[in-house]
Amino acid sequence: LARMAGASSGGSVGFDDIDWRTGEFVYTSD
């Protein structure tokens, strides 16, 4: 749902919640 809303995150299992541009986890993104 967050990706559909525009969240930036990875795509491979185990790295789904990382913004590859920053290396930060995106769990607390808007």
PDB file of all heavy atoms in Angstrom:
ATOM      1  N   LEU A   1       0.844  -1.194   0.000  1.00  0.00           N
ATOM      2  CA  LEU A   1       0.000   0.000   0.000  1.00  0.00           C
ATOM      3  C   LEU A   1       0.882   1.249   0.000  1.00  0.00           C
ATOM      4  O   LEU A   1       0.619   2.207  -0.729  1.00  0.00           O
ATOM      5  CB  LEU A   1      -0.929   0.002   1.218  1.00  0.00           C
ATOM      6  CG  LEU A   1      -2.116  -0.973   1.155  1.00  0.00           C
ATOM      7  CD1 LEU A   1      -2.767  -1.103   2.526  1.00  0.00           C
ATOM      8  CD2 LEU A   1      -3.126  -0.531   0.114  1.00  0.00           C
ATOM      9  N   ALA A   2       1.938   1.227   0.809  1.00  0.00           N
ATOM     10  CA  ALA A   2       2.855   2.371   0.866  1.00  0.00           C
ATOM     11  C   ALA A   2       3.534   2.599  -0.480  1.00  0.00           C
ATOM     12  O   ALA A   2       3.685   3.741  -0.929  1.00  0.00           O
ATOM     13  CB  ALA A   2       3.892   2.159   1.963  1.00  0.00           C
ATOM     14  N   ARG A   3       3.932   1.537  -1.148  1.00  0.00           N
ATOM     15  CA  ARG A   3       4.545   1.679  -2.475  1.00  0.00           C
ATOM     16  C   ARG A   3       3.556   2.292  -3.460  1.00  0.00           C
ATOM     17  O   ARG A   3       3.916   3.116  -4.286  1.00  0.00           O
ATOM     18  CB  ARG A   3       5.014   0.328  -2.987  1.00  0.00           C
ATOM     19  CG  ARG A   3       6.275  -0.153  -2.336  1.00  0.00           C
ATOM     20  CD  ARG A   3       6.657  -1.481  -2.912  1.00  0.00           C
ATOM     21  NE  ARG A   3       7.851  -1.994  -2.251  1.00  0.00           N
ATOM     22  CZ  ARG A   3       8.288  -3.212  -2.404  1.00  0.00           C
ATOM     23  NH1 ARG A   3       7.649  -4.066  -3.181  1.00  0.00           N
ATOM     24  NH2 ARG A   3       9.378  -3.604  -1.779  1.00  0.00           N
ATOM     25  N   MET A   4       2.289   1.841  -3.387  1.00  0.00           N
ATOM     26  CA  MET A   4       1.281   2.412  -4.278  1.00  0.00           C
ATOM     27  C   MET A   4       1.109   3.900  -4.018  1.00  0.00           C
ATOM     28  O   MET A   4       0.736   4.650  -4.922  1.00  0.00           O
ATOM     29  CB  MET A   4      -0.052   1.684  -4.099  1.00  0.00           C
ATOM     30  CG  MET A   4      -0.053   0.288  -4.649  1.00  0.00           C
ATOM     31  SD  MET A   4      -1.672  -0.473  -4.376  1.00  0.00           S
ATOM     32  CE  MET A   4      -1.176  -2.119  -3.911  1.00  0.00           C
ATOM     33  N   ALA A   5       1.402   4.317  -2.791  1.00  0.00           N
ATOM     34  CA  ALA A   5       1.285   5.736  -2.431  1.00  0.00           C
ATOM     35  C   ALA A   5       2.567   6.504  -2.732  1.00  0.00           C
ATOM     36  O   ALA A   5       2.634   7.703  -2.487  1.00  0.00           O
ATOM     37  CB  ALA A   5       0.935   5.878  -0.950  1.00  0.00           C
ATOM     38  N   GLY A   6       3.587   5.813  -3.228  1.00  0.00           N
ATOM     39  CA  GLY A   6       4.807   6.500  -3.631  1.00  0.00           C
ATOM     40  C   GLY A   6       6.015   6.280  -2.754  1.00  0.00           C
ATOM     41  O   GLY A   6       7.054   6.907  -2.958  1.00  0.00           O
ATOM     42  N   ALA A   7       5.921   5.385  -1.766  1.00  0.00           N
ATOM     43  CA  ALA A   7       7.086   5.117  -0.907  1.00  0.00           C
ATOM     44  C   ALA A   7       8.212   4.542  -1.746  1.00  0.00           C
ATOM     45  O   ALA A   7       7.995   3.730  -2.633  1.00  0.00           O
ATOM     46  CB  ALA A   7       6.720   4.154   0.212  1.00  0.00           C
ATOM     47  N   SER A   8       9.402   4.969  -1.441  1.00  0.00           N
ATOM     48  CA  SER A   8      10.569   4.438  -2.123  1.00  0.00           C
ATOM     49  C   SER A   8      11.120   3.307  -1.272  1.00  0.00           C
ATOM     50  O   SER A   8      11.449   3.496  -0.110  1.00  0.00           O
ATOM     51  CB  SER A   8      11.624   5.533  -2.274  1.00  0.00           C
ATOM     52  OG  SER A   8      12.785   4.992  -2.845  1.00  0.00           O
ATOM     53  N   SER A   9      11.158   2.119  -1.864  1.00  0.00           N
ATOM     54  CA  SER A   9      11.740   0.988  -1.141  1.00  0.00           C
ATOM     55  C   SER A   9      12.234  -0.036  -2.130  1.00  0.00           C
ATOM     56  O   SER A   9      11.861  -0.026  -3.298  1.00  0.00           O
ATOM     57  CB  SER A   9      10.715   0.377  -0.181  1.00  0.00           C
ATOM     58  OG  SER A   9       9.576  -0.045  -0.865  1.00  0.00           O
ATOM     59  N   GLY A  10      13.072  -0.932  -1.626  1.00  0.00           N
ATOM     60  CA  GLY A  10      13.661  -1.957  -2.465  1.00  0.00           C
ATOM     61  C   GLY A  10      12.640  -2.980  -2.904  1.00  0.00           C
ATOM     62  O   GLY A  10      11.483  -2.921  -2.542  1.00  0.00           O
ATOM     63  N   GLY A  11      13.094  -3.943  -3.652  1.00  0.00           N
ATOM     64  CA  GLY A  11      12.154  -4.904  -4.178  1.00  0.00           C
ATOM     65  C   GLY A  11      12.483  -6.348  -3.918  1.00  0.00           C
ATOM     66  O   GLY A  11      11.694  -7.213  -4.192  1.00  0.00           O
ATOM     67  N   SER A  12      13.639  -6.639  -3.362  1.00  0.00           N
ATOM     68  CA  SER A  12      13.959  -8.042  -3.150  1.00  0.00           C
ATOM     69  C   SER A  12      13.682  -8.419  -1.698  1.00  0.00           C
ATOM     70  O   SER A  12      13.793  -7.603  -0.794  1.00  0.00           O
ATOM     71  CB  SER A  12      15.412  -8.321  -3.506  1.00  0.00           C
ATOM     72  OG  SER A  12      16.256  -7.459  -2.791  1.00  0.00           O
ATOM     73  N   VAL A  13      13.305  -9.660  -1.514  1.00  0.00           N
ATOM     74  CA  VAL A  13      12.957 -10.133  -0.180  1.00  0.00           C
ATOM     75  C   VAL A  13      14.123  -9.900   0.771  1.00  0.00           C
ATOM     76  O   VAL A  13      15.267 -10.174   0.459  1.00  0.00           O
ATOM     77  CB  VAL A  13      12.579 -11.625  -0.238  1.00  0.00           C
ATOM     78  CG1 VAL A  13      12.310 -12.160   1.154  1.00  0.00           C
ATOM     79  CG2 VAL A  13      11.388 -11.829  -1.149  1.00  0.00           C
ATOM     80  N   GLY A  14      13.808  -9.383   1.927  1.00  0.00           N
ATOM     81  CA  GLY A  14      14.830  -9.076   2.916  1.00  0.00           C
ATOM     82  C   GLY A  14      15.306  -7.638   2.860  1.00  0.00           C
ATOM     83  O   GLY A  14      15.888  -7.139   3.800  1.00  0.00           O
ATOM     84  N   PHE A  15      15.071  -6.990   1.728  1.00  0.00           N
ATOM     85  CA  PHE A  15      15.486  -5.599   1.574  1.00  0.00           C
ATOM     86  C   PHE A  15      14.318  -4.731   1.112  1.00  0.00           C
ATOM     87  O   PHE A  15      14.506  -3.711   0.481  1.00  0.00           O
ATOM     88  CB  PHE A  15      16.641  -5.491   0.569  1.00  0.00           C
ATOM     89  CG  PHE A  15      17.849  -6.268   0.990  1.00  0.00           C
ATOM     90  CD1 PHE A  15      18.118  -7.495   0.419  1.00  0.00           C
ATOM     91  CD2 PHE A  15      18.685  -5.786   1.975  1.00  0.00           C
ATOM     92  CE1 PHE A  15      19.224  -8.223   0.814  1.00  0.00           C
ATOM     93  CE2 PHE A  15      19.793  -6.510   2.372  1.00  0.00           C
ATOM     94  CZ  PHE A  15      20.065  -7.738   1.795  1.00  0.00           C
ATOM     95  N   ASP A  16      13.111  -5.162   1.427  1.00  0.00           N
ATOM     96  CA  ASP A  16      11.916  -4.488   0.952  1.00  0.00           C
ATOM     97  C   ASP A  16      11.723  -3.096   1.531  1.00  0.00           C
ATOM     98  O   ASP A  16      11.057  -2.271   0.936  1.00  0.00           O
ATOM     99  CB  ASP A  16      10.674  -5.317   1.292  1.00  0.00           C
ATOM    100  CG  ASP A  16      10.615  -6.574   0.459  1.00  0.00           C
ATOM    101  OD1 ASP A  16      10.379  -6.473  -0.744  1.00  0.00           O
ATOM    102  OD2 ASP A  16      10.814  -7.637   1.044  1.00  0.00           O
ATOM    103  N   ASP A  17      12.225  -2.858   2.707  1.00  0.00           N
ATOM    104  CA  ASP A  17      11.899  -1.629   3.419  1.00  0.00           C
ATOM    105  C   ASP A  17      13.063  -0.655   3.504  1.00  0.00           C
ATOM    106  O   ASP A  17      13.173   0.109   4.462  1.00  0.00           O
ATOM    107  CB  ASP A  17      11.378  -1.988   4.810  1.00  0.00           C
ATOM    108  CG  ASP A  17      10.176  -2.908   4.712  1.00  0.00           C
ATOM    109  OD1 ASP A  17       9.196  -2.515   4.068  1.00  0.00           O
ATOM    110  OD2 ASP A  17      10.240  -4.019   5.262  1.00  0.00           O
ATOM    111  N   ILE A  18      13.912  -0.683   2.509  1.00  0.00           N
ATOM    112  CA  ILE A  18      15.049   0.230   2.452  1.00  0.00           C
ATOM    113  C   ILE A  18      14.896   1.143   1.244  1.00  0.00           C
ATOM    114  O   ILE A  18      14.607   0.682   0.145  1.00  0.00           O
ATOM    115  CB  ILE A  18      16.389  -0.537   2.354  1.00  0.00           C
ATOM    116  CG1 ILE A  18      16.607  -1.388   3.609  1.00  0.00           C
ATOM    117  CG2 ILE A  18      17.547   0.417   2.117  1.00  0.00           C
ATOM    118  CD1 ILE A  18      17.817  -2.290   3.522  1.00  0.00           C
ATOM    119  N   ASP A  19      15.070   2.421   1.450  1.00  0.00           N
ATOM    120  CA  ASP A  19      15.135   3.370   0.341  1.00  0.00           C
ATOM    121  C   ASP A  19      16.550   3.281  -0.207  1.00  0.00           C
ATOM    122  O   ASP A  19      17.509   3.699   0.444  1.00  0.00           O
ATOM    123  CB  ASP A  19      14.828   4.783   0.835  1.00  0.00           C
ATOM    124  CG  ASP A  19      14.836   5.815  -0.285  1.00  0.00           C
ATOM    125  OD1 ASP A  19      15.454   5.565  -1.347  1.00  0.00           O
ATOM    126  OD2 ASP A  19      14.213   6.869  -0.097  1.00  0.00           O
ATOM    127  N   TRP A  20      16.680   2.703  -1.395  1.00  0.00           N
ATOM    128  CA  TRP A  20      18.013   2.470  -1.962  1.00  0.00           C
ATOM    129  C   TRP A  20      18.748   3.770  -2.272  1.00  0.00           C
ATOM    130  O   TRP A  20      19.968   3.764  -2.413  1.00  0.00           O
ATOM    131  CB  TRP A  20      17.895   1.605  -3.218  1.00  0.00           C
ATOM    132  CG  TRP A  20      17.491   0.205  -2.883  1.00  0.00           C
ATOM    133  CD1 TRP A  20      16.286  -0.367  -3.125  1.00  0.00           C
ATOM    134  CD2 TRP A  20      18.268  -0.782  -2.211  1.00  0.00           C
ATOM    135  NE1 TRP A  20      16.264  -1.653  -2.648  1.00  0.00           N
ATOM    136  CE2 TRP A  20      17.470  -1.936  -2.082  1.00  0.00           C
ATOM    137  CE3 TRP A  20      19.565  -0.800  -1.704  1.00  0.00           C
ATOM    138  CZ2 TRP A  20      17.914  -3.094  -1.471  1.00  0.00           C
ATOM    139  CZ3 TRP A  20      20.013  -1.962  -1.092  1.00  0.00           C
ATOM    140  CH2 TRP A  20      19.202  -3.086  -0.981  1.00  0.00           C
ATOM    141  N   ARG A  21      18.026   4.870  -2.353  1.00  0.00           N
ATOM    142  CA  ARG A  21      18.686   6.154  -2.625  1.00  0.00           C
ATOM    143  C   ARG A  21      19.447   6.661  -1.411  1.00  0.00           C
ATOM    144  O   ARG A  21      20.448   7.344  -1.543  1.00  0.00           O
ATOM    145  CB  ARG A  21      17.663   7.192  -3.074  1.00  0.00           C
ATOM    146  CG  ARG A  21      16.953   6.828  -4.367  1.00  0.00           C
ATOM    147  CD  ARG A  21      15.797   7.746  -4.640  1.00  0.00           C
ATOM    148  NE  ARG A  21      14.866   7.672  -3.509  1.00  0.00           N
ATOM    149  CZ  ARG A  21      13.764   8.379  -3.409  1.00  0.00           C
ATOM    150  NH1 ARG A  21      13.436   9.231  -4.337  1.00  0.00           N
ATOM    151  NH2 ARG A  21      12.968   8.245  -2.362  1.00  0.00           N
ATOM    152  N   THR A  22      18.932   6.318  -0.212  1.00  0.00           N
ATOM    153  CA  THR A  22      19.530   6.841   1.021  1.00  0.00           C
ATOM    154  C   THR A  22      20.126   5.759   1.905  1.00  0.00           C
ATOM    155  O   THR A  22      20.929   6.052   2.793  1.00  0.00           O
ATOM    156  CB  THR A  22      18.480   7.590   1.861  1.00  0.00           C
ATOM    157  OG1 THR A  22      17.475   6.650   2.279  1.00  0.00           O
ATOM    158  CG2 THR A  22      17.849   8.723   1.055  1.00  0.00           C
ATOM    159  N   GLY A  23      19.722   4.509   1.701  1.00  0.00           N
ATOM    160  CA  GLY A  23      20.165   3.422   2.563  1.00  0.00           C
ATOM    161  C   GLY A  23      19.408   3.370   3.880  1.00  0.00           C
ATOM    162  O   GLY A  23      19.736   2.587   4.758  1.00  0.00           O
ATOM    163  N   GLU A  24      18.365   4.187   4.010  1.00  0.00           N
ATOM    164  CA  GLU A  24      17.592   4.255   5.254  1.00  0.00           C
ATOM    165  C   GLU A  24      16.352   3.358   5.169  1.00  0.00           C
ATOM    166  O   GLU A  24      15.754   3.211   4.110  1.00  0.00           O
ATOM    167  CB  GLU A  24      17.135   5.700   5.513  1.00  0.00           C
ATOM    168  CG  GLU A  24      18.262   6.707   5.648  1.00  0.00           C
ATOM    169  CD  GLU A  24      19.048   6.537   6.931  1.00  0.00           C
ATOM    170  OE1 GLU A  24      18.437   6.182   7.952  1.00  0.00           O
ATOM    171  OE2 GLU A  24      20.275   6.737   6.903  1.00  0.00           O
ATOM    172  N   PHE A  25      15.976   2.805   6.325  1.00  0.00           N
ATOM    173  CA  PHE A  25      14.711   2.095   6.403  1.00  0.00           C
ATOM    174  C   PHE A  25      13.578   3.109   6.301  1.00  0.00           C
ATOM    175  O   PHE A  25      13.704   4.229   6.775  1.00  0.00           O
ATOM    176  CB  PHE A  25      14.602   1.307   7.716  1.00  0.00           C
ATOM    177  CG  PHE A  25      15.432   0.050   7.706  1.00  0.00           C
ATOM    178  CD1 PHE A  25      16.688   0.034   8.279  1.00  0.00           C
ATOM    179  CD2 PHE A  25      14.951  -1.099   7.103  1.00  0.00           C
ATOM    180  CE1 PHE A  25      17.457  -1.111   8.271  1.00  0.00           C
ATOM    181  CE2 PHE A  25      15.708  -2.251   7.077  1.00  0.00           C
ATOM    182  CZ  PHE A  25      16.970  -2.261   7.659  1.00  0.00           C
ATOM    183  N   VAL A  26      12.482   2.695   5.702  1.00  0.00           N
ATOM    184  CA  VAL A  26      11.375   3.625   5.443  1.00  0.00           C
ATOM    185  C   VAL A  26      10.133   3.324   6.283  1.00  0.00           C
ATOM    186  O   VAL A  26       9.045   3.789   5.973  1.00  0.00           O
ATOM    187  CB  VAL A  26      11.006   3.635   3.936  1.00  0.00           C
ATOM    188  CG1 VAL A  26      12.134   4.207   3.107  1.00  0.00           C
ATOM    189  CG2 VAL A  26      10.623   2.243   3.461  1.00  0.00           C
ATOM    190  N   TYR A  27      10.317   2.597   7.373  1.00  0.00           N
ATOM    191  CA  TYR A  27       9.168   2.206   8.207  1.00  0.00           C
ATOM    192  C   TYR A  27       8.374   3.391   8.734  1.00  0.00           C
ATOM    193  O   TYR A  27       7.187   3.268   8.990  1.00  0.00           O
ATOM    194  CB  TYR A  27       9.631   1.375   9.403  1.00  0.00           C
ATOM    195  CG  TYR A  27      10.264   0.065   9.041  1.00  0.00           C
ATOM    196  CD1 TYR A  27      11.571  -0.210   9.408  1.00  0.00           C
ATOM    197  CD2 TYR A  27       9.550  -0.906   8.346  1.00  0.00           C
ATOM    198  CE1 TYR A  27      12.157  -1.422   9.095  1.00  0.00           C
ATOM    199  CE2 TYR A  27      10.131  -2.120   8.027  1.00  0.00           C
ATOM    200  CZ  TYR A  27      11.436  -2.371   8.409  1.00  0.00           C
ATOM    201  OH  TYR A  27      12.010  -3.559   8.091  1.00  0.00           O
ATOM    202  N   THR A  28       9.019   4.522   8.921  1.00  0.00           N
ATOM    203  CA  THR A  28       8.324   5.679   9.484  1.00  0.00           C
ATOM    204  C   THR A  28       8.018   6.747   8.433  1.00  0.00           C
ATOM    205  O   THR A  28       7.668   7.869   8.786  1.00  0.00           O
ATOM    206  CB  THR A  28       9.144   6.306  10.629  1.00  0.00           C
ATOM    207  OG1 THR A  28      10.423   6.686  10.119  1.00  0.00           O
ATOM    208  CG2 THR A  28       9.314   5.329  11.774  1.00  0.00           C
ATOM    209  N   SER A  29       8.091   6.368   7.163  1.00  0.00           N
ATOM    210  CA  SER A  29       7.771   7.337   6.112  1.00  0.00           C
ATOM    211  C   SER A  29       6.274   7.655   6.165  1.00  0.00           C
ATOM    212  O   SER A  29       5.469   6.891   6.700  1.00  0.00           O
ATOM    213  CB  SER A  29       8.132   6.789   4.730  1.00  0.00           C
ATOM    214  OG  SER A  29       7.251   5.736   4.378  1.00  0.00           O
ATOM    215  N   ASP A  30       5.908   8.788   5.613  1.00  0.00           N
ATOM    216  CA  ASP A  30       4.503   9.193   5.577  1.00  0.00           C
ATOM    217  C   ASP A  30       3.631   8.134   4.906  1.00  0.00           C
ATOM    218  O   ASP A  30       2.514   7.862   5.344  1.00  0.00           O
ATOM    219  CB  ASP A  30       4.336  10.529   4.849  1.00  0.00           C
ATOM    220  CG  ASP A  30       4.922  11.699   5.626  1.00  0.00           C
ATOM    221  OD1 ASP A  30       5.142  11.562   6.850  1.00  0.00           O
ATOM    222  OD2 ASP A  30       5.146  12.752   5.001  1.00  0.00           O
TER     223      ASP A  30
END
